Amino acid sequence: MKFGQIPDPAAIDYQLPVEPLANPARLDRYELGAGQGRPQVYIGATGWSMKEWVGKWYPAGTKTKDYLSHYGEQFNTIELNTTHYRIPTADTIANWYAAVPADFRYCPKLPKSISHVNDLGAGSDALQLFVAALDGLKEKMGCAFIQLPPYFGADRLPVVEHFLDRWPRLLPLALEVRHESWFADPFKTESLMDALAARGVAAVITDVAGRRDVLHGYVTAPRTMIRFVGNGLIDSDFTRLAQWAEKLREWNLPESFIFPHEPENVLAPDASAWFANHLAGLGFAETRGPSPHRGPEQMRLF
C-alpha cells in the first residue's frame, strides 16, 4: 500500500491542524504586504504522460511527444518525479524549457543518489551536477524538493543541516520528512522547522488520510509546498481542497505550490480544475488550472 493510504479514507476527520505557534512570527516576515501584488498559486500533477487524459484534457489524437506542451497549457507547475531517477541532460532540460508557457514553473524532485544515501550526497558530486542541470530551466525553475526516505529519522538532523548548508541559498528548496520520529516529539519537530526557517527552506506539507502527522502546518519560507493526496474525488476531497484555499488566503505567501494527487494520477486534473475554479471564486490569488479540452465539434456549439 502506498504511503499514508488506508482501506476506508472516508472515515478520517480531515480537519487541518491548529496553526503552529511559530507561524505568526514567520508569516510577519514572509507574507505579502500592501501594494506587493497577489499570491501566486501553482497547481500541478505528478506527470504529463497520461494517455487517459487524451480526448478530455489533451486534444483527441495527441501524440506522446506533444503531451508536455499540452500539459503546460493546462497546468502551471509539475511535481517532476522523473529527476528522482536520473539527472537530466542539458538537451532534456532545454526541451522541457521550450515546451511550456512563460508562467510555468518546474518543481524537480532531487535524485535518489542524493536523497537516499546516508550522507545526503555529501560524498559525491551528485548535488553539484543536479544544481548545474537546473540552470537550464532559467525563470521556469520553481521550487526543488527533497523527499527523505521513510527510514530517515530525527536523530539524523545534523545530516540534514549539513545538506541544507550545501544547497545554494538562491535556489528555492522544500524538504519532506516521513519518519514518525520527526513528529512524535515536539522538540524534534521544532528543531527541524527552525533549521529549515534559518535557511529559507520550505517544509513540505503532505495531506494524506493515513498519516495525519505529516500534515504539520508549518511555514518556514516565503513559499509552501503541499502534496494533497485525494481519494478518487469523494466528497471529502473537495472539502479538504476548500480548506486549503482558505489557508492559503490566510497565509498570504508570495507563492504556493500544490499538487493534487488522485489514484494513478488519472483524476488529478479534475481535482486541480475544481481547486483552481474555487480559488478564482475567492479572488485573492493569481493562478490557473486545467479546463476540459473542446474539440471542433464542441466549439461549434458555442
C-alpha atoms as a PDB file:
ATOM      1  CA  MET A   1       0.000   0.000   0.000  1.00  0.00           C
ATOM      2  CA  LYS A   2       1.288   3.478  -0.891  1.00  0.00           C
ATOM      3  CA  PHE A   3       2.397   5.957   1.756  1.00  0.00           C
ATOM      4  CA  GLY A   4      -0.480   7.008   4.003  1.00  0.00           C
ATOM      5  CA  GLN A   5      -3.214   5.115   2.199  1.00  0.00           C
ATOM      6  CA  ILE A   6      -5.849   3.281   4.226  1.00  0.00           C
ATOM      7  CA  PRO A   7      -8.774   0.960   3.325  1.00  0.00           C
ATOM      8  CA  ASP A   8     -11.513   3.449   4.286  1.00  0.00           C
ATOM      9  CA  PRO A   9     -10.387   7.044   3.693  1.00  0.00           C
ATOM     10  CA  ALA A  10     -13.951   8.307   4.111  1.00  0.00           C
ATOM     11  CA  ALA A  11     -13.741   7.528   7.850  1.00  0.00           C
ATOM     12  CA  ILE A  12     -10.995  10.097   8.554  1.00  0.00           C
ATOM     13  CA  ASP A  13     -11.518  13.514  10.163  1.00  0.00           C
ATOM     14  CA  TYR A  14      -9.765  15.752   7.663  1.00  0.00           C
ATOM     15  CA  GLN A  15      -9.564  18.985   9.622  1.00  0.00           C
ATOM     16  CA  LEU A  16      -6.387  20.992   9.148  1.00  0.00           C
ATOM     17  CA  PRO A  17      -4.192  21.161  12.264  1.00  0.00           C
ATOM     18  CA  VAL A  18      -4.103  24.013  14.729  1.00  0.00           C
ATOM     19  CA  GLU A  19      -1.745  26.715  13.498  1.00  0.00           C
ATOM     20  CA  PRO A  20       1.748  26.114  14.950  1.00  0.00           C
ATOM     21  CA  LEU A  21       2.823  28.745  17.484  1.00  0.00           C
ATOM     22  CA  ALA A  22       5.894  29.588  15.398  1.00  0.00           C
ATOM     23  CA  ASN A  23       3.899  30.514  12.300  1.00  0.00           C
ATOM     24  CA  PRO A  24       2.670  34.047  13.100  1.00  0.00           C
ATOM     25  CA  ALA A  25       6.150  35.477  13.629  1.00  0.00           C
ATOM     26  CA  ARG A  26       7.417  33.873  10.427  1.00  0.00           C
ATOM     27  CA  LEU A  27       4.380  34.955   8.437  1.00  0.00           C
ATOM     28  CA  ASP A  28       5.042  38.537   9.527  1.00  0.00           C
ATOM     29  CA  ARG A  29       8.292  38.255   7.550  1.00  0.00           C
ATOM     30  CA  TYR A  30       7.080  36.218   4.605  1.00  0.00           C
ATOM     31  CA  GLU A  31       3.559  37.321   3.727  1.00  0.00           C
ATOM     32  CA  LEU A  32       2.835  39.886   1.045  1.00  0.00           C
ATOM     33  CA  GLY A  33       2.313  43.446   2.189  1.00  0.00           C
ATOM     34  CA  ALA A  34       0.032  46.125   0.792  1.00  0.00           C
ATOM     35  CA  GLY A  35       0.924  47.016  -2.778  1.00  0.00           C
ATOM     36  CA  GLN A  36       3.061  43.906  -3.323  1.00  0.00           C
ATOM     37  CA  GLY A  37       0.586  42.142  -5.580  1.00  0.00           C
ATOM     38  CA  ARG A  38      -1.376  38.958  -5.093  1.00  0.00           C
ATOM     39  CA  PRO A  39      -0.149  35.491  -4.115  1.00  0.00           C
ATOM     40  CA  GLN A  40       0.878  33.174  -6.931  1.00  0.00           C
ATOM     41  CA  VAL A  41      -0.624  29.705  -6.572  1.00  0.00           C
ATOM     42  CA  TYR A  42       0.838  26.988  -8.780  1.00  0.00           C
ATOM     43  CA  ILE A  43      -1.284  23.869  -9.307  1.00  0.00           C
ATOM     44  CA  GLY A  44       0.098  20.712 -10.880  1.00  0.00           C
ATOM     45  CA  ALA A  45       0.068  16.948 -11.181  1.00  0.00           C
ATOM     46  CA  THR A  46       2.853  14.391 -10.873  1.00  0.00           C
ATOM     47  CA  GLY A  47       3.476  13.726 -14.561  1.00  0.00           C
ATOM     48  CA  TRP A  48       2.322  14.507 -18.065  1.00  0.00           C
ATOM     49  CA  SER A  49       2.495  11.077 -19.742  1.00  0.00           C
ATOM     50  CA  MET A  50      -1.143  10.172 -19.230  1.00  0.00           C
ATOM     51  CA  LYS A  51      -2.887   8.614 -22.216  1.00  0.00           C
ATOM     52  CA  GLU A  52      -6.090   8.631 -20.144  1.00  0.00           C
ATOM     53  CA  TRP A  53      -6.137  12.443 -20.473  1.00  0.00           C
ATOM     54  CA  VAL A  54      -6.216  12.350 -24.272  1.00  0.00           C
ATOM     55  CA  GLY A  55      -9.631  13.429 -25.502  1.00  0.00           C
ATOM     56  CA  LYS A  56     -10.565  15.195 -22.276  1.00  0.00           C
ATOM     57  CA  TRP A  57      -7.622  17.258 -21.051  1.00  0.00           C
ATOM     58  CA  TYR A  58      -5.445  16.839 -24.141  1.00  0.00           C
ATOM     59  CA  PRO A  59      -6.867  17.128 -27.671  1.00  0.00           C
ATOM     60  CA  ALA A  60      -8.072  13.899 -29.227  1.00  0.00           C
ATOM     61  CA  GLY A  61      -5.263  12.211 -31.119  1.00  0.00           C
ATOM     62  CA  THR A  62      -2.458  13.893 -29.158  1.00  0.00           C
ATOM     63  CA  LYS A  63       0.877  12.152 -29.744  1.00  0.00           C
ATOM     64  CA  THR A  64       3.105  11.189 -26.834  1.00  0.00           C
ATOM     65  CA  LYS A  65       5.779  13.692 -27.917  1.00  0.00           C
ATOM     66  CA  ASP A  66       3.256  16.519 -27.507  1.00  0.00           C
ATOM     67  CA  TYR A  67       1.979  15.588 -24.051  1.00  0.00           C
ATOM     68  CA  LEU A  68       4.211  18.055 -22.205  1.00  0.00           C
ATOM     69  CA  SER A  69       3.209  21.055 -24.287  1.00  0.00           C
ATOM     70  CA  HIS A  70      -0.472  20.289 -23.717  1.00  0.00           C
ATOM     71  CA  TYR A  71       0.218  19.676 -20.042  1.00  0.00           C
ATOM     72  CA  GLY A  72       1.777  23.142 -19.848  1.00  0.00           C
ATOM     73  CA  GLU A  73      -1.343  24.665 -21.361  1.00  0.00           C
ATOM     74  CA  GLN A  74      -3.452  23.047 -18.659  1.00  0.00           C
ATOM     75  CA  PHE A  75      -1.265  23.313 -15.540  1.00  0.00           C
ATOM     76  CA  ASN A  76       1.262  25.901 -14.389  1.00  0.00           C
ATOM     77  CA  THR A  77       3.586  23.591 -12.439  1.00  0.00           C
ATOM     78  CA  ILE A  78       4.538  19.930 -12.070  1.00  0.00           C
ATOM     79  CA  GLU A  79       5.849  17.689  -9.329  1.00  0.00           C
ATOM     80  CA  LEU A  80       8.710  16.492 -11.513  1.00  0.00           C
ATOM     81  CA  ASN A  81       9.431  12.987 -10.275  1.00  0.00           C
ATOM     82  CA  THR A  82      11.495  11.876 -13.269  1.00  0.00           C
ATOM     83  CA  THR A  83      14.509  13.743 -11.868  1.00  0.00           C
ATOM     84  CA  HIS A  84      14.421  11.423  -8.853  1.00  0.00           C
ATOM     85  CA  TYR A  85      15.757   8.621 -11.025  1.00  0.00           C
ATOM     86  CA  ARG A  86      18.340  10.424 -13.148  1.00  0.00           C
ATOM     87  CA  ILE A  87      19.906  13.836 -13.561  1.00  0.00           C
ATOM     88  CA  PRO A  88      18.536  15.230 -16.826  1.00  0.00           C
ATOM     89  CA  THR A  89      20.835  16.119 -19.697  1.00  0.00           C
ATOM     90  CA  ALA A  90      21.185  19.664 -20.991  1.00  0.00           C
ATOM     91  CA  ASP A  91      19.167  18.725 -24.094  1.00  0.00           C
ATOM     92  CA  THR A  92      16.339  17.330 -21.970  1.00  0.00           C
ATOM     93  CA  ILE A  93      16.255  20.475 -19.851  1.00  0.00           C
ATOM     94  CA  ALA A  94      16.209  22.645 -22.979  1.00  0.00           C
ATOM     95  CA  ASN A  95      13.268  20.679 -24.360  1.00  0.00           C
ATOM     96  CA  TRP A  96      11.386  20.991 -21.086  1.00  0.00           C
ATOM     97  CA  TYR A  97      12.016  24.722 -21.014  1.00  0.00           C
ATOM     98  CA  ALA A  98      10.808  25.250 -24.574  1.00  0.00           C
ATOM     99  CA  ALA A  99       7.671  23.122 -24.227  1.00  0.00           C
ATOM    100  CA  VAL A 100       5.809  25.166 -21.612  1.00  0.00           C
ATOM    101  CA  PRO A 101       4.492  28.748 -21.318  1.00  0.00           C
ATOM    102  CA  ALA A 102       6.283  31.615 -19.615  1.00  0.00           C
ATOM    103  CA  ASP A 103       4.234  31.348 -16.411  1.00  0.00           C
ATOM    104  CA  PHE A 104       5.037  27.653 -15.893  1.00  0.00           C
ATOM    105  CA  ARG A 105       7.277  26.538 -13.010  1.00  0.00           C
ATOM    106  CA  TYR A 106       9.027  23.172 -12.674  1.00  0.00           C
ATOM    107  CA  CYS A 107       9.395  21.576  -9.229  1.00  0.00           C
ATOM    108  CA  PRO A 108      12.036  18.866  -9.680  1.00  0.00           C
ATOM    109  CA  LYS A 109      12.495  16.130  -7.114  1.00  0.00           C
ATOM    110  CA  LEU A 110      16.086  15.604  -6.031  1.00  0.00           C
ATOM    111  CA  PRO A 111      17.734  12.440  -7.342  1.00  0.00           C
ATOM    112  CA  LYS A 112      17.759   9.402  -5.095  1.00  0.00           C
ATOM    113  CA  SER A 113      21.549   9.434  -5.488  1.00  0.00           C
ATOM    114  CA  ILE A 114      21.294  12.371  -3.062  1.00  0.00           C
ATOM    115  CA  SER A 115      18.132  11.820  -1.012  1.00  0.00           C
ATOM    116  CA  HIS A 116      18.512   8.092  -0.438  1.00  0.00           C
ATOM    117  CA  VAL A 117      22.168   7.835   0.591  1.00  0.00           C
ATOM    118  CA  ASN A 118      23.313   8.083   4.191  1.00  0.00           C
ATOM    119  CA  ASP A 119      25.161  11.386   3.838  1.00  0.00           C
ATOM    120  CA  LEU A 120      22.592  13.020   1.509  1.00  0.00           C
ATOM    121  CA  GLY A 121      25.148  13.259  -1.252  1.00  0.00           C
ATOM    122  CA  ALA A 122      28.000  14.800   0.694  1.00  0.00           C
ATOM    123  CA  GLY A 123      30.410  12.149  -0.542  1.00  0.00           C
ATOM    124  CA  SER A 124      29.755  12.651  -4.252  1.00  0.00           C
ATOM    125  CA  ASP A 125      29.346  15.359  -6.857  1.00  0.00           C
ATOM    126  CA  ALA A 126      25.666  14.495  -7.484  1.00  0.00           C
ATOM    127  CA  LEU A 127      24.382  17.691  -5.850  1.00  0.00           C
ATOM    128  CA  GLN A 128      26.650  19.933  -7.913  1.00  0.00           C
ATOM    129  CA  LEU A 129      25.662  18.121 -11.113  1.00  0.00           C
ATOM    130  CA  PHE A 130      21.965  18.350 -10.319  1.00  0.00           C
ATOM    131  CA  VAL A 131      22.053  22.048  -9.462  1.00  0.00           C
ATOM    132  CA  ALA A 132      24.064  22.773 -12.616  1.00  0.00           C
ATOM    133  CA  ALA A 133      21.469  20.949 -14.712  1.00  0.00           C
ATOM    134  CA  LEU A 134      18.663  23.050 -13.236  1.00  0.00           C
ATOM    135  CA  ASP A 135      20.293  26.246 -14.512  1.00  0.00           C
ATOM    136  CA  GLY A 136      18.807  25.456 -17.909  1.00  0.00           C
ATOM    137  CA  LEU A 137      15.276  25.921 -16.596  1.00  0.00           C
ATOM    138  CA  LYS A 138      16.050  29.617 -16.032  1.00  0.00           C
ATOM    139  CA  GLU A 139      12.986  31.557 -14.842  1.00  0.00           C
ATOM    140  CA  LYS A 140      10.801  28.458 -15.236  1.00  0.00           C
ATOM    141  CA  MET A 141      12.516  26.861 -12.241  1.00  0.00           C
ATOM    142  CA  GLY A 142      10.027  26.795  -9.384  1.00  0.00           C
ATOM    143  CA  CYS A 143      10.968  25.017  -6.167  1.00  0.00           C
ATOM    144  CA  ALA A 144      13.059  21.855  -5.987  1.00  0.00           C
ATOM    145  CA  PHE A 145      12.183  19.358  -3.280  1.00  0.00           C
ATOM    146  CA  ILE A 146      13.922  16.557  -1.470  1.00  0.00           C
ATOM    147  CA  GLN A 147      11.875  13.674  -0.133  1.00  0.00           C
ATOM    148  CA  LEU A 148      13.742  11.846   2.631  1.00  0.00           C
ATOM    149  CA  PRO A 149      13.120   8.088   2.824  1.00  0.00           C
ATOM    150  CA  PRO A 150      10.724   6.664   5.440  1.00  0.00           C
ATOM    151  CA  TYR A 151      13.623   5.239   7.497  1.00  0.00           C
ATOM    152  CA  PHE A 152      15.432   8.593   7.812  1.00  0.00           C
ATOM    153  CA  GLY A 153      14.726   9.552  11.440  1.00  0.00           C
ATOM    154  CA  ALA A 154      15.001  12.676  13.552  1.00  0.00           C
ATOM    155  CA  ASP A 155      18.301  11.512  15.063  1.00  0.00           C
ATOM    156  CA  ARG A 156      19.855  12.487  11.722  1.00  0.00           C
ATOM    157  CA  LEU A 157      19.051  16.185  11.902  1.00  0.00           C
ATOM    158  CA  PRO A 158      22.792  17.092  11.742  1.00  0.00           C
ATOM    159  CA  VAL A 159      22.999  15.304   8.375  1.00  0.00           C
ATOM    160  CA  VAL A 160      20.009  17.307   7.156  1.00  0.00           C
ATOM    161  CA  GLU A 161      21.585  20.547   8.351  1.00  0.00           C
ATOM    162  CA  HIS A 162      24.844  19.728   6.586  1.00  0.00           C
ATOM    163  CA  PHE A 163      22.934  19.063   3.372  1.00  0.00           C
ATOM    164  CA  LEU A 164      20.992  22.331   3.697  1.00  0.00           C
ATOM    165  CA  ASP A 165      24.223  24.241   4.179  1.00  0.00           C
ATOM    166  CA  ARG A 166      25.496  22.806   0.898  1.00  0.00           C
ATOM    167  CA  TRP A 167      22.364  23.776  -1.018  1.00  0.00           C
ATOM    168  CA  PRO A 168      22.630  27.153  -2.862  1.00  0.00           C
ATOM    169  CA  ARG A 169      20.569  29.707  -0.934  1.00  0.00           C
ATOM    170  CA  LEU A 170      19.215  31.439  -4.045  1.00  0.00           C
ATOM    171  CA  LEU A 171      17.627  28.244  -5.388  1.00  0.00           C
ATOM    172  CA  PRO A 172      14.217  27.583  -3.764  1.00  0.00           C
ATOM    173  CA  LEU A 173      14.021  24.260  -1.949  1.00  0.00           C
ATOM    174  CA  ALA A 174      11.436  22.305   0.034  1.00  0.00           C
ATOM    175  CA  LEU A 175      12.105  19.303   2.253  1.00  0.00           C
ATOM    176  CA  GLU A 176       9.784  16.422   3.117  1.00  0.00           C
ATOM    177  CA  VAL A 177      10.278  14.025   6.033  1.00  0.00           C
ATOM    178  CA  ARG A 178       8.246  10.866   6.630  1.00  0.00           C
ATOM    179  CA  HIS A 179       9.697   9.024   9.619  1.00  0.00           C
ATOM    180  CA  GLU A 180       7.334   9.250  12.617  1.00  0.00           C
ATOM    181  CA  SER A 181      10.115  10.428  14.933  1.00  0.00           C
ATOM    182  CA  TRP A 182      10.126  13.893  13.345  1.00  0.00           C
ATOM    183  CA  PHE A 183       6.599  14.478  14.675  1.00  0.00           C
ATOM    184  CA  ALA A 184       6.370  12.248  17.770  1.00  0.00           C
ATOM    185  CA  ASP A 185       8.447  14.678  19.859  1.00  0.00           C
ATOM    186  CA  PRO A 186       7.509  18.380  19.546  1.00  0.00           C
ATOM    187  CA  PHE A 187      11.047  19.444  20.385  1.00  0.00           C
ATOM    188  CA  LYS A 188      12.379  17.468  17.426  1.00  0.00           C
ATOM    189  CA  THR A 189       9.691  18.916  15.192  1.00  0.00           C
ATOM    190  CA  GLU A 190      10.611  22.431  16.242  1.00  0.00           C
ATOM    191  CA  SER A 191      14.316  21.739  15.762  1.00  0.00           C
ATOM    192  CA  LEU A 192      13.699  20.657  12.188  1.00  0.00           C
ATOM    193  CA  MET A 193      11.454  23.609  11.431  1.00  0.00           C
ATOM    194  CA  ASP A 194      13.929  26.052  12.957  1.00  0.00           C
ATOM    195  CA  ALA A 195      16.698  24.574  10.804  1.00  0.00           C
ATOM    196  CA  LEU A 196      14.571  24.992   7.683  1.00  0.00           C
ATOM    197  CA  ALA A 197      13.441  28.526   8.563  1.00  0.00           C
ATOM    198  CA  ALA A 198      17.004  29.628   9.284  1.00  0.00           C
ATOM    199  CA  ARG A 199      17.888  28.724   5.692  1.00  0.00           C
ATOM    200  CA  GLY A 200      14.666  29.775   3.955  1.00  0.00           C
ATOM    201  CA  VAL A 201      13.720  26.195   3.046  1.00  0.00           C
ATOM    202  CA  ALA A 202      10.049  25.255   2.885  1.00  0.00           C
ATOM    203  CA  ALA A 203       8.676  22.324   4.864  1.00  0.00           C
ATOM    204  CA  VAL A 204       6.653  20.096   2.533  1.00  0.00           C
ATOM    205  CA  ILE A 205       3.157  19.508   3.900  1.00  0.00           C
ATOM    206  CA  THR A 206       1.539  16.199   2.967  1.00  0.00           C
ATOM    207  CA  ASP A 207      -2.218  15.852   3.386  1.00  0.00           C
ATOM    208  CA  VAL A 208      -2.913  12.107   3.238  1.00  0.00           C
ATOM    209  CA  ALA A 209      -5.528  10.000   5.003  1.00  0.00           C
ATOM    210  CA  GLY A 210      -3.368   7.541   6.921  1.00  0.00           C
ATOM    211  CA  ARG A 211      -0.609   9.833   8.214  1.00  0.00           C
ATOM    212  CA  ARG A 212      -2.087  12.955   9.746  1.00  0.00           C
ATOM    213  CA  ASP A 213       1.208  13.765  11.478  1.00  0.00           C
ATOM    214  CA  VAL A 214       2.849  14.814   8.196  1.00  0.00           C
ATOM    215  CA  LEU A 215       0.082  17.421   7.858  1.00  0.00           C
ATOM    216  CA  HIS A 216       2.122  19.600  10.189  1.00  0.00           C
ATOM    217  CA  GLY A 217       1.065  23.082   9.036  1.00  0.00           C
ATOM    218  CA  TYR A 218       4.454  24.806   9.463  1.00  0.00           C
ATOM    219  CA  VAL A 219       5.506  27.733   7.293  1.00  0.00           C
ATOM    220  CA  THR A 220       9.303  28.061   7.152  1.00  0.00           C
ATOM    221  CA  ALA A 221       9.887  30.064   3.950  1.00  0.00           C
ATOM    222  CA  PRO A 222       8.211  32.667   1.695  1.00  0.00           C
ATOM    223  CA  ARG A 223       6.544  29.724  -0.050  1.00  0.00           C
ATOM    224  CA  THR A 224       4.869  26.464   0.793  1.00  0.00           C
ATOM    225  CA  MET A 225       4.589  23.122  -0.991  1.00  0.00           C
ATOM    226  CA  ILE A 226       1.522  20.977  -0.379  1.00  0.00           C
ATOM    227  CA  ARG A 227       1.221  17.400  -1.570  1.00  0.00           C
ATOM    228  CA  PHE A 228      -2.502  16.714  -1.426  1.00  0.00           C
ATOM    229  CA  VAL A 229      -3.497  13.046  -1.682  1.00  0.00           C
ATOM    230  CA  GLY A 230      -7.121  12.656  -2.692  1.00  0.00           C
ATOM    231  CA  ASN A 231      -9.266   9.549  -2.612  1.00  0.00           C
ATOM    232  CA  GLY A 232     -10.897   9.361  -6.018  1.00  0.00           C
ATOM    233  CA  LEU A 233     -12.938  12.581  -5.810  1.00  0.00           C
ATOM    234  CA  ILE A 234     -15.048  11.548  -2.839  1.00  0.00           C
ATOM    235  CA  ASP A 235     -16.830  14.405  -1.034  1.00  0.00           C
ATOM    236  CA  SER A 236     -14.026  14.959   1.460  1.00  0.00           C
ATOM    237  CA  ASP A 237     -11.552  15.647  -1.374  1.00  0.00           C
ATOM    238  CA  PHE A 238     -13.426  18.838  -2.171  1.00  0.00           C
ATOM    239  CA  THR A 239     -13.999  19.966   1.409  1.00  0.00           C
ATOM    240  CA  ARG A 240     -10.280  19.445   2.066  1.00  0.00           C
ATOM    241  CA  LEU A 241      -9.296  21.451  -1.008  1.00  0.00           C
ATOM    242  CA  ALA A 242     -11.641  24.229   0.102  1.00  0.00           C
ATOM    243  CA  GLN A 243      -9.916  24.279   3.498  1.00  0.00           C
ATOM    244  CA  TRP A 244      -6.555  24.614   1.751  1.00  0.00           C
ATOM    245  CA  ALA A 245      -7.811  27.528  -0.299  1.00  0.00           C
ATOM    246  CA  GLU A 246      -8.805  29.340   2.901  1.00  0.00           C
ATOM    247  CA  LYS A 247      -5.456  28.512   4.495  1.00  0.00           C
ATOM    248  CA  LEU A 248      -3.515  29.905   1.527  1.00  0.00           C
ATOM    249  CA  ARG A 249      -5.583  33.072   1.723  1.00  0.00           C
ATOM    250  CA  GLU A 250      -4.810  33.327   5.446  1.00  0.00           C
ATOM    251  CA  TRP A 251      -1.072  32.781   4.945  1.00  0.00           C
ATOM    252  CA  ASN A 252      -0.865  35.239   2.031  1.00  0.00           C
ATOM    253  CA  LEU A 253       2.526  33.908   0.929  1.00  0.00           C
ATOM    254  CA  PRO A 254       4.179  35.176  -2.269  1.00  0.00           C
ATOM    255  CA  GLU A 255       3.943  31.721  -3.837  1.00  0.00           C
ATOM    256  CA  SER A 256       2.460  28.334  -3.084  1.00  0.00           C
ATOM    257  CA  PHE A 257       2.772  25.027  -4.904  1.00  0.00           C
ATOM    258  CA  ILE A 258       0.001  22.465  -4.515  1.00  0.00           C
ATOM    259  CA  PHE A 259      -0.056  19.050  -6.153  1.00  0.00           C
ATOM    260  CA  PRO A 260      -3.429  17.239  -6.019  1.00  0.00           C
ATOM    261  CA  HIS A 261      -2.700  13.519  -6.211  1.00  0.00           C
ATOM    262  CA  GLU A 262      -5.508  11.173  -7.155  1.00  0.00           C
ATOM    263  CA  PRO A 263      -5.344   7.378  -7.687  1.00  0.00           C
ATOM    264  CA  GLU A 264      -2.982   6.570 -10.575  1.00  0.00           C
ATOM    265  CA  ASN A 265      -2.938  10.313 -11.429  1.00  0.00           C
ATOM    266  CA  VAL A 266      -5.991   9.856 -13.695  1.00  0.00           C
ATOM    267  CA  LEU A 267      -8.283  12.232 -11.800  1.00  0.00           C
ATOM    268  CA  ALA A 268      -5.624  14.782 -10.848  1.00  0.00           C
ATOM    269  CA  PRO A 269      -6.838  17.277 -13.490  1.00  0.00           C
ATOM    270  CA  ASP A 270     -10.393  17.047 -12.148  1.00  0.00           C
ATOM    271  CA  ALA A 271      -9.243  17.900  -8.626  1.00  0.00           C
ATOM    272  CA  SER A 272      -6.912  20.612  -9.926  1.00  0.00           C
ATOM    273  CA  ALA A 273      -9.612  22.205 -12.075  1.00  0.00           C
ATOM    274  CA  TRP A 274     -12.001  22.302  -9.117  1.00  0.00           C
ATOM    275  CA  PHE A 275      -9.360  23.872  -6.897  1.00  0.00           C
ATOM    276  CA  ALA A 276      -8.381  26.493  -9.494  1.00  0.00           C
ATOM    277  CA  ASN A 277     -12.015  27.452 -10.002  1.00  0.00           C
ATOM    278  CA  HIS A 278     -12.550  27.669  -6.261  1.00  0.00           C
ATOM    279  CA  LEU A 279      -9.530  29.939  -5.889  1.00  0.00           C
ATOM    280  CA  ALA A 280     -10.805  32.121  -8.710  1.00  0.00           C
ATOM    281  CA  GLY A 281     -14.084  32.491  -6.840  1.00  0.00           C
ATOM    282  CA  LEU A 282     -12.261  33.631  -3.709  1.00  0.00           C
ATOM    283  CA  GLY A 283     -10.407  36.220  -5.785  1.00  0.00           C
ATOM    284  CA  PHE A 284      -7.245  36.637  -3.720  1.00  0.00           C
ATOM    285  CA  ALA A 285      -4.621  34.829  -5.822  1.00  0.00           C
ATOM    286  CA  GLU A 286      -3.198  34.573  -9.318  1.00  0.00           C
ATOM    287  CA  THR A 287      -3.463  31.025 -10.630  1.00  0.00           C
ATOM    288  CA  ARG A 288      -4.685  28.876 -13.468  1.00  0.00           C
ATOM    289  CA  GLY A 289      -5.811  25.292 -13.767  1.00  0.00           C
ATOM    290  CA  PRO A 290      -6.995  22.801 -16.358  1.00  0.00           C
ATOM    291  CA  SER A 291     -10.161  23.002 -18.409  1.00  0.00           C
ATOM    292  CA  PRO A 292     -11.660  20.114 -20.376  1.00  0.00           C
ATOM    293  CA  HIS A 293     -10.486  20.271 -23.958  1.00  0.00           C
ATOM    294  CA  ARG A 294     -13.109  21.310 -26.502  1.00  0.00           C
ATOM    295  CA  GLY A 295     -12.741  19.697 -29.892  1.00  0.00           C
ATOM    296  CA  PRO A 296     -14.050  21.225 -33.137  1.00  0.00           C
ATOM    297  CA  GLU A 297     -17.453  19.603 -32.686  1.00  0.00           C
ATOM    298  CA  GLN A 298     -17.819  21.050 -29.196  1.00  0.00           C
ATOM    299  CA  MET A 299     -16.605  24.508 -30.249  1.00  0.00           C
ATOM    300  CA  ARG A 300     -19.376  24.772 -32.857  1.00  0.00           C
ATOM    301  CA  LEU A 301     -21.898  24.544 -30.035  1.00  0.00           C
ATOM    302  CA  PHE A 302     -20.706  27.837 -28.503  1.00  0.00           C
END
